[in-house]
């Protein structure tokens, strides 16, 4: 189980990296920023990818901290009011998790306005899993001894793994999608099949659609600009 978790964590680091859209300059030299929703959800995918990579590294550091204290100090601060030595790490880890919650909530609202139910479902699921990670972090922060903290960290790893896998299910393959000018990126729901490695709920198959009405069962991504 431990090796499976580590491999899934490391998979985040090798997700397809694409450069974020840069602001365009007009003939007068002023910067023209495009609407946020124009490049969504791909722009947000890149941000979430970076936050998950950061979170992965922080989980490894937290594990090392707790394991070291387990070996040298089985009990921490019994009766003391001071914060546990991993408190600062927990505060730092909650920042990227909070960012993911904000992004997924915003995307959920965007697809609600667009009346695209599958988009709502995909980002609602991601949002809930990010909330679960935050709750697991809170549990580690409340641990008063290294033994309890270690058990809480194990639960945290499982929660982060679930978030990573859900993100990969939603974003997998988007970076390799090359739609012709004027076409729309479309996330079609992947068919769920029984067995190991089956696509989870909210898994996307990214395709190109000539017209928006061709993406009826899924949700729309960005449109490739015309030349």
Foldseek 3Di string as FASTA:
>chain_A
DVVVLLVLLVVLVPADDDDDDDFDADPVGDTDDDDPQQFPPVNVLNLLSVLSNVLSVLLVVLLVVLVVCVVVPQFADVVHPDWPPCLVSLVVNVVSLVVLLVSLVVQLVVVVVVVFVLSVVLSVVLNVLSVVLNVLSVQLRPDRGSVSNNVSSVVNSVSSSVNSLSSCQQCPPVSVDDDDAQKWKAWADDDADDDPPTRDRSGTDIDIGNDLVVRRNTDIGHGHHDD
